[in-house]
Amino acid sequence: MKTILKYTFAGLMGCSILTSCLDSALDTAPTDSMAGTTLLSNANSAMVPLNGIYRSMYTSWSPTDNTHQSFGISSYAIMADVMGDDMIMDAMGSGWYWYDCLYNVKSRYTSSAWRSYDIWNCYYTWISNANYILAAEETMSGSTGDVNYVIGQAYAIRAYSYFMLAQNFARTYKGHEEDPCCPIYTEPTVAGTEGQPRSTVKKVYELITSDIQTAINKLTDAPAQKHKTHIDLGVAYGIQARIALTMEDWNLAKTAAHNAIEASGCAVLPVSDFLGVNDVTAANVMWGAPIQNDQSGMYASFFSHMDAVDELDVSQKPYGNSARKQINKDLYDNIMLPNDARKQWWDPENGESERGADAGYQQEKFKFSDYSTWLGDYVWMRVEEMYLTAAEAECMLGEETPAKNDLYAVMSKRVEGYTTSKTGTALGATSSDRTGSLREEIIDQRRIELWGEYGRIWDLRRLHQGFRRTAAQGWPDAALLNNRPTNDPECYMWVLTIPQSEFDGNVNMTLSKDQNPTGDYK
C-alpha cells in the first residue's frame, strides 16, 4: 500500500492545464483536503486532477532515479520493444534500457530507482488518482455529458492501468487465469488503508473489462475529445480492442477495433504523410501527447532515445546516437516486401554504428520535429493498429475475407498492388519458425507497422511465442541471450518482480509467498 500512497490525489490537483509543471503537481497534500473536495464538486473543475494524470503520462517522475528511461507510456513501449526480437539495441550507451534488453532488472526489486518500482508505482499512482475522481461520480455537478466526459475517462485510465500491470507482473491471460496478478483497489486510499492481497489474473481482467465497458458507456454520451491526450470514445474502444486481443476474445476484439475506427474518425495515411511519427495532429493518430517547449524532457524523452540525429553536426548528441535502435535484419530483408514504403523507416546504408556491417539497420522512423528544442509529439495509438487488430481477430474467427479486407486497408497504403493468398492461423513455436499462414502475415505487418510504438514483448507473450536473437539479425553478442529460455513462452523471464516497497507497506503480501520469481523459472 505504501507505493500507492506515495503520490496522493491532491498532489495532482496542481495541473489545471496540461502545460503546467509536473514538479509542483507532485507536491503531495492530504487526500481529504478542501481543495480536493471543491475540485471534484463539478465537472469543469474536475478536469484539473484529470489533466494532472495525463500530464504524468509523458513526464519523468515515477522512479527515484534512472528517470531518463522512465517518462510514462512511451518509455514503457521502448522497454517492451527492446525486450523482444525486432528492436535491436546496438550498444549499451549510457545504460538506459540496456538492462531491460538484457533481462537484468528483476533482481533489483529492492531499489526505488529500477523498473519494478517504476512501473508498479506509476500505474498504481494513476489508479489511486482515478479512484478519487470516481468516488465523486454521484455528487459531481454539471451536465450529463460533461460529467460523463470526466468519469468515463477515469474508468478508462483505471482499466488501462490495471491492464498494463497485468501485462508486466503476471503471465499472459490465456492459460494463466488462476495465476497471481496484482492487488485490486477501487476506492480512494488514505494513510492507514490496509493493503490488499494479490488477485488472480482472472479477477483483475474482470475488473479491467468491466471498467473499460463502463468507460465506453459514459463516453458514448459525452463531448468530443478536447485534447489529444484525453481518452475519448474512439480511444476507449481502442483500449478495449487491445484488452480483448490479449484475452483472445476474438469477437470483442473485432467489434471493438471496428468501433474504434468509426468513432475516431481517423484514416490510414501513406507513410509520406506522417514521416517522423512526431505529430499528433496527423489524421491517423487517435491518442497521443502534444509536446511543447517546456515539456520536452530533453534527454529524458522518447526521441532522445530513438533519433540518432546523424544528419546534424551537433555537439550534444541524444542517447539515440550512442545506444542506437535498429531493426532486425531478417524482418527488414526477408519479411518486408521490396517495394514496401515503410522501408524508409530504416537505413541499411547508415554506417555510423561502431559495429559496422554487423549491426542492424538504423531506425529513421522516429525523428525530432525540432532537435534544437528537443520537440516531437508522442503517439500512443494509431488507427492502423485497429485495422490490424480486426484482421487478426477475423482470421482467428475463420472470417478470412474480412480479415484480408482489413489487412488491405493498411497495406494498400504501404505496398502498391499488395495482395495475399495466405490462409490459416498457424504460428511457429518461435517467431523465427515460419508457417506461411494468414495470421502470421497479419502479425508480420503488425511487427513492421507498430515497431517502436506498441511493445513487441507484449505481443509475443499473448501469442505464446518464443524468440531467438542471432548475430545474423544484427544483435550484438552481449545481447544474444544464448543461455536464457527466450524460446519458452511459459517461463517467467518477462514477468517483473514486485518492488520491495510493496511488501514493506502491505500486510497482506509477503516476500516469500507473493514475490514473482527472480529467475526465469519458479
Protein backbone atom coordinates (compact mmCIF):
# COMPACT_ATOMS: atom_id res chain seq x y z
CA MET A 1 0.00 0.00 0.00
CA LYS A 2 2.92 2.29 0.63
CA THR A 3 3.63 2.68 -3.07
CA ILE A 4 0.08 3.70 -3.86
CA LEU A 5 0.16 6.46 -1.28
CA LYS A 6 3.47 7.96 -2.41
CA TYR A 7 1.69 10.34 -4.78
CA THR A 8 -1.78 11.17 -3.49
CA PHE A 9 -4.74 12.65 -5.29
CA ALA A 10 -4.27 16.15 -4.03
CA GLY A 11 -0.75 16.09 -5.41
CA LEU A 12 -2.08 16.08 -8.97
CA MET A 13 -4.53 18.90 -8.45
CA GLY A 14 -1.86 21.47 -9.31
CA CYS A 15 -2.13 20.56 -13.02
CA SER A 16 -5.02 22.76 -14.08
CA ILE A 17 -3.82 22.60 -17.67
CA LEU A 18 -1.64 20.09 -19.44
CA THR A 19 1.20 22.56 -19.87
CA SER A 20 1.64 23.17 -16.15
CA CYS A 21 4.64 21.95 -14.24
CA LEU A 22 4.57 18.37 -13.02
CA ASP A 23 7.04 19.09 -10.23
CA SER A 24 4.53 21.22 -8.39
CA ALA A 25 1.80 18.74 -9.24
CA LEU A 26 3.60 16.06 -7.27
CA ASP A 27 3.93 18.09 -4.08
CA THR A 28 1.65 15.91 -2.02
CA ALA A 29 -1.08 17.12 0.33
CA PRO A 30 -3.70 15.39 2.48
CA THR A 31 -6.10 13.40 0.33
CA ASP A 32 -9.13 14.79 2.17
CA SER A 33 -8.11 18.43 1.64
CA MET A 34 -10.77 21.06 0.98
CA ALA A 35 -9.20 21.75 -2.42
CA GLY A 36 -9.87 18.16 -3.47
CA THR A 37 -13.48 18.33 -2.36
CA THR A 38 -14.02 21.61 -4.19
CA LEU A 39 -12.41 20.48 -7.43
CA LEU A 40 -14.48 17.33 -7.62
CA SER A 41 -17.72 19.13 -6.89
CA ASN A 42 -18.30 19.91 -10.58
CA ALA A 43 -17.23 18.52 -13.93
CA ASN A 44 -15.39 21.62 -15.11
CA SER A 45 -13.06 21.84 -12.13
CA ALA A 46 -12.64 18.05 -12.07
CA MET A 47 -10.67 18.44 -15.29
CA VAL A 48 -7.85 19.81 -13.11
CA PRO A 49 -6.91 16.49 -11.46
CA LEU A 50 -7.80 14.55 -14.61
CA ASN A 51 -5.36 16.64 -16.65
CA GLY A 52 -2.82 16.11 -13.89
CA ILE A 53 -2.96 12.37 -14.51
CA TYR A 54 -2.48 12.86 -18.23
CA ARG A 55 0.43 15.22 -17.68
CA SER A 56 2.20 12.49 -15.72
CA MET A 57 1.79 10.10 -18.66
CA TYR A 58 4.59 11.80 -20.62
CA THR A 59 6.92 13.17 -17.93
CA SER A 60 9.70 11.68 -15.78
CA TRP A 61 8.71 11.25 -12.14
CA SER A 62 7.95 7.65 -11.14
CA PRO A 63 11.29 6.19 -10.00
CA THR A 64 13.65 7.99 -7.63
CA ASP A 65 16.49 7.69 -10.17
CA ASN A 66 17.04 6.45 -13.73
CA THR A 67 14.38 8.93 -14.80
CA HIS A 68 15.91 9.22 -18.27
CA GLN A 69 14.35 5.85 -19.11
CA SER A 70 11.07 6.46 -17.31
CA PHE A 71 8.80 9.08 -18.86
CA GLY A 72 5.42 7.41 -18.98
CA ILE A 73 3.66 5.46 -21.72
CA SER A 74 6.22 5.94 -24.49
CA SER A 75 9.11 4.91 -22.24
CA TYR A 76 7.43 1.60 -21.47
CA ALA A 77 6.85 0.98 -25.19
CA ILE A 78 10.62 1.21 -25.75
CA MET A 79 11.21 -1.09 -22.79
CA ALA A 80 8.83 -3.74 -24.15
CA ASP A 81 10.31 -3.47 -27.65
CA VAL A 82 13.96 -3.92 -26.65
CA MET A 83 12.88 -6.98 -24.64
CA GLY A 84 11.82 -8.68 -27.86
CA ASP A 85 13.41 -9.68 -31.16
CA ASP A 86 12.70 -6.80 -33.55
CA MET A 87 14.21 -3.68 -31.94
CA ILE A 88 17.96 -4.09 -31.60
CA MET A 89 19.97 -2.07 -29.11
CA ASP A 90 23.27 -1.54 -30.88
CA ALA A 91 25.24 -0.78 -27.71
CA MET A 92 24.91 -0.07 -24.01
CA GLY A 93 25.40 3.68 -24.38
CA SER A 94 24.69 5.37 -21.05
CA GLY A 95 22.88 2.26 -19.82
CA TRP A 96 19.26 3.35 -20.27
CA TYR A 97 17.14 0.39 -21.47
CA TRP A 98 20.22 -1.81 -21.75
CA TYR A 99 19.28 -3.78 -18.64
CA ASP A 100 15.73 -4.25 -19.95
CA CYS A 101 17.24 -5.54 -23.19
CA LEU A 102 19.45 -7.99 -21.25
CA TYR A 103 16.67 -9.04 -18.84
CA ASN A 104 18.78 -7.86 -15.95
CA VAL A 105 16.30 -5.87 -13.87
CA LYS A 106 14.33 -8.39 -11.81
CA SER A 107 16.91 -8.78 -9.05
CA ARG A 108 16.80 -5.02 -8.45
CA TYR A 109 13.34 -5.04 -6.86
CA THR A 110 14.63 -3.60 -3.57
CA SER A 111 15.57 -0.33 -5.28
CA SER A 112 13.16 2.53 -5.96
CA ALA A 113 15.27 3.52 -8.97
CA TRP A 114 14.66 0.48 -11.17
CA ARG A 115 11.96 -0.93 -13.40
CA SER A 116 9.95 -2.96 -10.85
CA TYR A 117 9.30 0.07 -8.66
CA ASP A 118 8.95 2.42 -11.61
CA ILE A 119 6.12 0.56 -13.36
CA TRP A 120 4.34 -0.56 -10.19
CA ASN A 121 4.43 2.95 -8.74
CA CYS A 122 3.43 4.63 -11.99
CA TYR A 123 0.30 2.61 -12.74
CA TYR A 124 -0.87 2.44 -9.15
CA THR A 125 -0.49 6.20 -8.89
CA TRP A 126 -2.80 6.60 -11.88
CA ILE A 127 -5.22 4.07 -10.35
CA SER A 128 -5.21 5.86 -6.99
CA ASN A 129 -5.95 9.21 -8.56
CA ALA A 130 -8.62 7.78 -10.85
CA ASN A 131 -10.30 6.27 -7.79
CA TYR A 132 -10.61 9.70 -6.17
CA ILE A 133 -12.32 11.05 -9.26
CA LEU A 134 -14.65 8.05 -9.50
CA ALA A 135 -15.64 8.40 -5.83
CA ALA A 136 -17.20 11.76 -6.72
CA GLU A 137 -19.35 10.40 -9.53
CA GLU A 138 -22.66 10.63 -7.67
CA THR A 139 -22.07 14.13 -6.27
CA MET A 140 -20.35 15.84 -9.22
CA SER A 141 -22.46 18.63 -10.69
CA GLY A 142 -22.62 19.57 -14.36
CA SER A 143 -24.41 18.42 -17.47
CA THR A 144 -24.69 14.69 -18.02
CA GLY A 145 -22.29 14.91 -20.95
CA ASP A 146 -19.66 16.88 -19.03
CA VAL A 147 -19.80 14.54 -16.03
CA ASN A 148 -19.59 11.52 -18.34
CA TYR A 149 -16.55 13.06 -20.04
CA VAL A 150 -14.69 13.13 -16.70
CA ILE A 151 -15.96 9.90 -15.18
CA GLY A 152 -15.66 7.91 -18.41
CA GLN A 153 -12.01 8.86 -18.73
CA ALA A 154 -11.31 7.96 -15.11
CA TYR A 155 -12.76 4.47 -15.67
CA ALA A 156 -10.67 4.11 -18.84
CA ILE A 157 -7.49 5.20 -17.05
CA ARG A 158 -8.10 2.65 -14.31
CA ALA A 159 -8.80 -0.10 -16.85
CA TYR A 160 -5.70 0.77 -18.86
CA SER A 161 -3.51 0.90 -15.74
CA TYR A 162 -4.62 -2.49 -14.42
CA PHE A 163 -4.22 -3.93 -17.91
CA MET A 164 -0.61 -2.77 -18.05
CA LEU A 165 0.10 -4.03 -14.54
CA ALA A 166 -1.23 -7.43 -15.60
CA GLN A 167 0.92 -7.30 -18.74
CA ASN A 168 4.08 -6.76 -16.72
CA PHE A 169 3.61 -8.53 -13.39
CA ALA A 170 1.88 -11.76 -14.47
CA ARG A 171 1.99 -14.21 -17.33
CA THR A 172 -0.40 -13.58 -20.20
CA TYR A 173 -4.13 -14.06 -19.68
CA LYS A 174 -4.94 -17.16 -21.71
CA GLY A 175 -3.88 -20.30 -19.87
CA HIS A 176 -2.85 -18.41 -16.73
CA GLU A 177 -6.21 -17.17 -15.46
CA GLU A 178 -5.61 -18.52 -11.96
CA ASP A 179 -2.04 -17.21 -11.65
CA PRO A 180 -1.48 -14.43 -9.10
CA CYS A 181 -1.57 -10.95 -10.61
CA CYS A 182 -1.77 -7.72 -8.61
CA PRO A 183 -3.83 -6.23 -5.75
CA ILE A 184 -7.11 -4.54 -6.64
CA TYR A 185 -8.16 -1.12 -5.29
CA THR A 186 -11.36 0.55 -6.42
CA GLU A 187 -11.88 3.03 -3.58
CA PRO A 188 -9.85 6.10 -2.56
CA THR A 189 -6.83 5.18 -0.46
CA VAL A 190 -5.62 7.19 2.52
CA ALA A 191 -2.86 6.76 5.06
CA GLY A 192 -3.69 3.65 7.04
CA THR A 193 -5.72 1.95 4.31
CA GLU A 194 -4.99 -1.75 4.52
CA GLY A 195 -3.19 -3.22 1.55
CA GLN A 196 -4.93 -5.90 -0.49
CA PRO A 197 -3.57 -9.35 -1.40
CA ARG A 198 -2.73 -10.27 -4.99
CA SER A 199 -5.83 -11.12 -7.00
CA THR A 200 -5.79 -13.72 -9.74
CA VAL A 201 -5.25 -12.80 -13.36
CA LYS A 202 -8.90 -13.66 -13.99
CA LYS A 203 -10.17 -11.34 -11.24
CA VAL A 204 -8.01 -8.46 -12.43
CA TYR A 205 -9.22 -8.87 -16.00
CA GLU A 206 -12.83 -8.98 -14.78
CA LEU A 207 -12.30 -5.51 -13.35
CA ILE A 208 -10.44 -4.35 -16.46
CA THR A 209 -13.20 -5.47 -18.82
CA SER A 210 -15.92 -4.03 -16.61
CA ASP A 211 -14.14 -0.69 -16.27
CA ILE A 212 -13.46 -0.24 -19.96
CA GLN A 213 -17.06 -1.10 -20.85
CA THR A 214 -18.31 1.42 -18.28
CA ALA A 215 -15.94 3.98 -19.77
CA ILE A 216 -17.38 3.32 -23.22
CA ASN A 217 -20.93 3.64 -21.92
CA LYS A 218 -20.12 7.00 -20.33
CA LEU A 219 -18.12 8.37 -23.25
CA THR A 220 -20.86 7.44 -25.72
CA ASP A 221 -22.82 10.31 -24.18
CA ALA A 222 -20.00 12.82 -23.76
CA PRO A 223 -18.41 15.68 -25.72
CA ALA A 224 -15.80 15.06 -28.41
CA GLN A 225 -12.11 14.77 -27.49
CA LYS A 226 -10.97 18.15 -26.12
CA HIS A 227 -7.25 17.38 -26.11
CA LYS A 228 -5.28 14.67 -27.87
CA THR A 229 -4.12 13.22 -24.55
CA HIS A 230 -7.73 12.65 -23.46
CA ILE A 231 -9.30 9.23 -23.80
CA ASP A 232 -12.44 9.74 -25.88
CA LEU A 233 -14.86 7.10 -27.16
CA GLY A 234 -12.61 6.04 -30.02
CA VAL A 235 -9.59 5.60 -27.76
CA ALA A 236 -11.66 3.71 -25.19
CA TYR A 237 -12.75 1.30 -27.91
CA GLY A 238 -9.09 1.03 -28.93
CA ILE A 239 -8.07 0.09 -25.39
CA GLN A 240 -10.92 -2.42 -25.29
CA ALA A 241 -9.63 -3.93 -28.54
CA ARG A 242 -6.14 -4.31 -27.04
CA ILE A 243 -7.55 -5.99 -23.95
CA ALA A 244 -9.77 -8.35 -25.97
CA LEU A 245 -6.86 -9.29 -28.26
CA THR A 246 -4.77 -10.24 -25.21
CA MET A 247 -7.65 -12.26 -23.78
CA GLU A 248 -8.23 -13.99 -27.15
CA ASP A 249 -11.81 -12.74 -27.14
CA TRP A 250 -11.86 -12.56 -30.91
CA ASN A 251 -15.43 -11.38 -31.37
CA LEU A 252 -14.96 -8.48 -28.98
CA ALA A 253 -11.54 -7.62 -30.44
CA LYS A 254 -13.08 -7.41 -33.91
CA THR A 255 -16.07 -5.37 -32.80
CA ALA A 256 -14.10 -3.01 -30.57
CA ALA A 257 -11.48 -2.38 -33.28
CA HIS A 258 -14.14 -1.55 -35.86
CA ASN A 259 -15.92 0.68 -33.35
CA ALA A 260 -12.63 2.44 -32.63
CA ILE A 261 -12.08 3.10 -36.33
CA GLU A 262 -15.58 4.53 -36.74
CA ALA A 263 -15.66 6.55 -33.52
CA SER A 264 -12.20 8.02 -34.01
CA GLY A 265 -12.84 9.34 -37.49
CA CYS A 266 -9.18 8.62 -38.24
CA ALA A 267 -7.86 7.35 -41.56
CA VAL A 268 -4.91 5.23 -42.64
CA LEU A 269 -2.26 7.50 -44.09
CA PRO A 270 0.52 6.91 -46.61
CA VAL A 271 3.95 6.80 -44.97
CA SER A 272 4.88 10.08 -46.63
CA ASP A 273 2.08 11.85 -44.75
CA PHE A 274 3.40 11.15 -41.25
CA LEU A 275 7.16 10.97 -41.57
CA GLY A 276 8.96 11.19 -38.23
CA VAL A 277 5.86 9.91 -36.37
CA ASN A 278 6.06 13.08 -34.30
CA ASP A 279 2.79 14.94 -34.89
CA VAL A 280 -0.42 14.01 -33.09
CA THR A 281 -2.46 16.20 -35.45
CA ALA A 282 -1.87 13.65 -38.23
CA ALA A 283 -5.15 12.17 -39.43
CA ASN A 284 -4.21 8.62 -38.38
CA VAL A 285 -3.43 9.46 -34.73
CA MET A 286 -6.11 8.54 -32.21
CA TRP A 287 -4.28 9.22 -28.95
CA GLY A 288 -1.04 10.92 -28.02
CA ALA A 289 0.66 13.80 -26.29
CA PRO A 290 1.45 17.12 -27.99
CA ILE A 291 4.83 18.13 -26.56
CA GLN A 292 5.61 21.82 -26.07
CA ASN A 293 8.93 23.52 -25.43
CA ASP A 294 8.73 23.34 -21.64
CA GLN A 295 7.64 19.68 -21.72
CA SER A 296 10.26 18.04 -23.93
CA GLY A 297 12.17 16.29 -21.14
CA MET A 298 15.33 16.75 -23.23
CA TYR A 299 17.40 13.61 -22.62
CA ALA A 300 14.52 12.04 -20.67
CA SER A 301 12.35 11.77 -23.74
CA PHE A 302 11.25 9.34 -26.41
CA PHE A 303 13.02 10.97 -29.33
CA SER A 304 16.26 11.36 -27.40
CA HIS A 305 16.40 7.57 -27.21
CA MET A 306 15.22 6.91 -30.76
CA ASP A 307 16.69 9.59 -33.04
CA ALA A 308 20.47 9.36 -33.65
CA VAL A 309 20.40 12.76 -35.45
CA ASP A 310 23.19 11.60 -37.76
CA GLU A 311 22.28 14.24 -40.32
CA LEU A 312 23.26 17.08 -37.97
CA ASP A 313 26.69 18.07 -36.71
CA VAL A 314 25.68 18.71 -33.13
CA SER A 315 27.96 18.81 -30.12
CA GLN A 316 25.48 17.13 -27.79
CA LYS A 317 24.09 14.04 -29.43
CA PRO A 318 20.99 12.38 -27.91
CA TYR A 319 21.09 8.89 -26.42
CA GLY A 320 19.86 7.54 -29.73
CA ASN A 321 23.34 8.14 -31.11
CA SER A 322 25.33 6.13 -28.55
CA ALA A 323 22.68 3.43 -27.96
CA ARG A 324 21.25 3.12 -31.45
CA LYS A 325 17.90 1.49 -32.08
CA GLN A 326 17.89 -0.73 -35.15
CA ILE A 327 15.58 -3.16 -36.87
CA ASN A 328 16.16 -6.90 -37.01
CA LYS A 329 17.74 -7.52 -40.43
CA ASP A 330 15.65 -10.64 -41.00
CA LEU A 331 12.44 -8.66 -40.56
CA TYR A 332 13.68 -5.97 -42.96
CA ASP A 333 15.38 -8.12 -45.60
CA ASN A 334 13.27 -11.28 -45.67
CA ILE A 335 9.79 -10.39 -44.42
CA MET A 336 9.20 -6.85 -45.68
CA LEU A 337 8.38 -6.71 -49.37
CA PRO A 338 10.98 -4.93 -51.54
CA ASN A 339 8.57 -2.14 -52.53
CA ASP A 340 7.17 -1.55 -49.03
CA ALA A 341 7.05 2.22 -48.41
CA ARG A 342 7.94 1.58 -44.75
CA LYS A 343 11.45 0.55 -45.80
CA GLN A 344 12.34 4.23 -45.48
CA TRP A 345 11.77 3.97 -41.73
CA TRP A 346 15.18 2.27 -41.51
CA ASP A 347 18.51 2.88 -43.25
CA PRO A 348 20.58 -0.17 -44.25
CA GLU A 349 23.27 2.18 -45.61
CA ASN A 350 23.85 4.02 -42.34
CA GLY A 351 27.46 3.32 -41.36
CA GLU A 352 27.60 5.20 -38.08
CA SER A 353 27.44 2.17 -35.79
CA GLU A 354 30.76 1.18 -34.26
CA ARG A 355 29.86 -2.42 -35.15
CA GLY A 356 29.80 -1.61 -38.84
CA ALA A 357 28.16 -4.19 -41.10
CA ASP A 358 27.44 -6.48 -38.12
CA ALA A 359 24.88 -4.03 -36.79
CA GLY A 360 21.16 -3.96 -37.53
CA TYR A 361 19.66 -1.27 -39.73
CA GLN A 362 19.45 2.20 -38.17
CA GLN A 363 15.96 3.45 -37.36
CA GLU A 364 14.73 6.62 -39.07
CA LYS A 365 11.06 6.12 -38.29
CA PHE A 366 11.02 8.39 -35.24
CA LYS A 367 12.59 11.82 -35.67
CA PHE A 368 12.57 15.01 -33.64
CA SER A 369 10.26 17.58 -35.17
CA ASP A 370 12.81 20.15 -33.98
CA TYR A 371 16.04 18.88 -32.47
CA SER A 372 17.14 22.37 -31.37
CA THR A 373 14.25 22.39 -28.89
CA TRP A 374 14.03 18.59 -28.37
CA LEU A 375 10.49 18.60 -29.74
CA GLY A 376 8.34 15.80 -31.08
CA ASP A 377 4.86 14.63 -30.12
CA TYR A 378 4.29 11.20 -28.54
CA VAL A 379 1.95 8.92 -30.49
CA TRP A 380 0.20 6.33 -28.30
CA MET A 381 -2.41 4.88 -30.66
CA ARG A 382 -2.86 4.97 -34.43
CA VAL A 383 -5.84 3.78 -36.42
CA GLU A 384 -3.65 1.37 -38.40
CA GLU A 385 -3.34 -0.72 -35.23
CA MET A 386 -7.11 -1.11 -35.13
CA TYR A 387 -7.31 -2.43 -38.69
CA LEU A 388 -4.57 -4.97 -37.93
CA THR A 389 -6.31 -5.96 -34.70
CA ALA A 390 -9.60 -6.52 -36.52
CA ALA A 391 -7.78 -8.50 -39.22
CA GLU A 392 -6.18 -10.86 -36.70
CA ALA A 393 -9.44 -11.36 -34.83
CA GLU A 394 -11.34 -12.10 -38.03
CA CYS A 395 -8.64 -14.52 -39.11
CA MET A 396 -8.99 -16.38 -35.80
CA LEU A 397 -12.77 -16.50 -36.31
CA GLY A 398 -12.33 -18.09 -39.73
CA GLU A 399 -13.52 -14.92 -41.47
CA GLU A 400 -10.63 -14.70 -43.90
CA THR A 401 -12.19 -12.41 -46.49
CA PRO A 402 -12.99 -9.66 -43.95
CA ALA A 403 -9.57 -10.27 -42.39
CA LYS A 404 -7.86 -9.63 -45.72
CA ASN A 405 -10.01 -6.56 -46.33
CA ASP A 406 -8.90 -5.04 -43.04
CA LEU A 407 -5.30 -6.00 -43.78
CA TYR A 408 -5.60 -4.41 -47.23
CA ALA A 409 -6.87 -1.19 -45.66
CA VAL A 410 -3.38 -0.73 -44.24
CA MET A 411 -1.27 -2.48 -46.84
CA SER A 412 -2.82 -0.62 -49.79
CA LYS A 413 -1.08 2.46 -48.35
CA ARG A 414 2.20 0.61 -47.85
CA VAL A 415 2.77 -1.66 -50.84
CA GLU A 416 1.41 -0.87 -54.29
CA GLY A 417 -0.68 -3.76 -55.59
CA TYR A 418 -0.42 -5.72 -52.33
CA THR A 419 -2.39 -8.94 -52.12
CA THR A 420 -2.08 -12.23 -50.29
CA SER A 421 -3.39 -15.73 -50.87
CA LYS A 422 -2.27 -16.99 -47.47
CA THR A 423 -4.72 -18.84 -45.26
CA GLY A 424 -4.90 -20.39 -41.80
CA THR A 425 -3.90 -19.44 -38.27
CA ALA A 426 -0.79 -21.49 -37.51
CA LEU A 427 2.18 -19.81 -35.83
CA GLY A 428 5.63 -21.20 -35.18
CA ALA A 429 6.90 -22.08 -31.71
CA THR A 430 9.24 -19.12 -32.08
CA SER A 431 8.95 -16.05 -34.28
CA SER A 432 11.71 -17.48 -36.50
CA ASP A 433 9.75 -20.67 -37.21
CA ARG A 434 7.77 -19.72 -40.29
CA THR A 435 4.39 -21.25 -41.18
CA GLY A 436 3.22 -19.12 -44.10
CA SER A 437 -0.26 -18.66 -42.56
CA LEU A 438 -2.54 -15.66 -42.94
CA ARG A 439 -2.32 -14.95 -39.23
CA GLU A 440 1.48 -14.92 -39.46
CA GLU A 441 1.22 -12.46 -42.35
CA ILE A 442 -1.01 -10.17 -40.25
CA ILE A 443 1.37 -10.41 -37.30
CA ASP A 444 4.33 -9.69 -39.59
CA GLN A 445 2.68 -6.49 -40.82
CA ARG A 446 1.91 -5.58 -37.21
CA ARG A 447 5.58 -6.09 -36.28
CA ILE A 448 6.60 -3.68 -39.03
CA GLU A 449 3.80 -1.13 -38.67
CA LEU A 450 3.92 -0.80 -34.88
CA TRP A 451 7.71 -1.11 -34.45
CA GLY A 452 8.65 1.25 -31.61
CA GLU A 453 5.03 2.05 -30.75
CA TYR A 454 3.31 -0.91 -29.11
CA GLY A 455 5.83 -3.11 -27.29
CA ARG A 456 6.81 -6.31 -29.07
CA ILE A 457 7.20 -8.46 -25.96
CA TRP A 458 3.53 -7.98 -25.06
CA ASP A 459 2.54 -9.40 -28.45
CA LEU A 460 4.96 -12.32 -28.17
CA ARG A 461 3.52 -13.20 -24.77
CA ARG A 462 -0.12 -13.19 -25.87
CA LEU A 463 0.82 -15.19 -28.98
CA HIS A 464 2.55 -17.78 -26.78
CA GLN A 465 5.60 -17.49 -29.00
CA GLY A 466 9.24 -17.62 -28.06
CA PHE A 467 12.04 -15.90 -29.94
CA ARG A 468 15.73 -16.19 -30.61
CA ARG A 469 18.21 -13.38 -31.19
CA THR A 470 21.10 -14.01 -33.56
CA ALA A 471 24.17 -12.16 -34.76
CA ALA A 472 22.86 -12.54 -38.32
CA GLN A 473 19.82 -10.48 -37.33
CA GLY A 474 22.18 -7.70 -36.22
CA TRP A 475 22.21 -8.26 -32.46
CA PRO A 476 25.42 -7.53 -30.55
CA ASP A 477 26.99 -10.52 -28.83
CA ALA A 478 26.26 -9.11 -25.38
CA ALA A 479 22.50 -9.15 -26.07
CA LEU A 480 22.08 -12.57 -27.71
CA LEU A 481 20.70 -14.16 -24.52
CA ASN A 482 22.10 -17.52 -25.61
CA ASN A 483 21.76 -19.10 -22.19
CA ARG A 484 18.27 -17.80 -21.46
CA PRO A 485 14.94 -19.52 -22.27
CA THR A 486 13.65 -16.92 -24.73
CA ASN A 487 12.18 -19.78 -26.74
CA ASP A 488 9.85 -20.73 -23.87
CA PRO A 489 6.74 -18.50 -23.68
CA GLU A 490 5.69 -20.21 -20.44
CA CYS A 491 8.74 -19.09 -18.47
CA TYR A 492 8.83 -16.15 -16.06
CA MET A 493 11.69 -14.42 -17.81
CA TRP A 494 9.49 -11.48 -18.84
CA VAL A 495 7.42 -11.26 -15.65
CA LEU A 496 8.67 -8.41 -13.48
CA THR A 497 9.33 -8.76 -9.77
CA ILE A 498 7.16 -6.78 -7.36
CA PRO A 499 9.03 -3.93 -5.65
CA GLN A 500 10.18 -4.38 -2.05
CA SER A 501 8.29 -1.24 -1.05
CA GLU A 502 5.00 -3.06 -1.64
CA PHE A 503 5.94 -5.82 0.79
CA ASP A 504 7.14 -3.25 3.31
CA GLY A 505 3.79 -1.44 3.26
CA ASN A 506 1.23 -4.19 2.61
CA VAL A 507 0.39 -6.53 5.49
CA ASN A 508 -1.43 -8.87 3.10
CA MET A 509 1.59 -9.57 0.92
CA THR A 510 4.78 -11.35 1.94
CA LEU A 511 8.03 -11.61 0.05
CA SER A 512 8.32 -15.38 0.42
CA LYS A 513 4.77 -16.14 -0.73
CA ASP A 514 3.89 -13.37 -3.16
CA GLN A 515 7.06 -12.37 -4.97
CA ASN A 516 7.38 -13.33 -8.62
CA PRO A 517 10.41 -15.48 -9.49
CA THR A 518 13.64 -13.50 -9.68
CA GLY A 519 14.91 -16.08 -12.14
CA ASP A 520 13.46 -17.41 -15.39
CA TYR A 521 11.52 -20.20 -13.69
CA LYS A 522 9.88 -20.86 -10.35
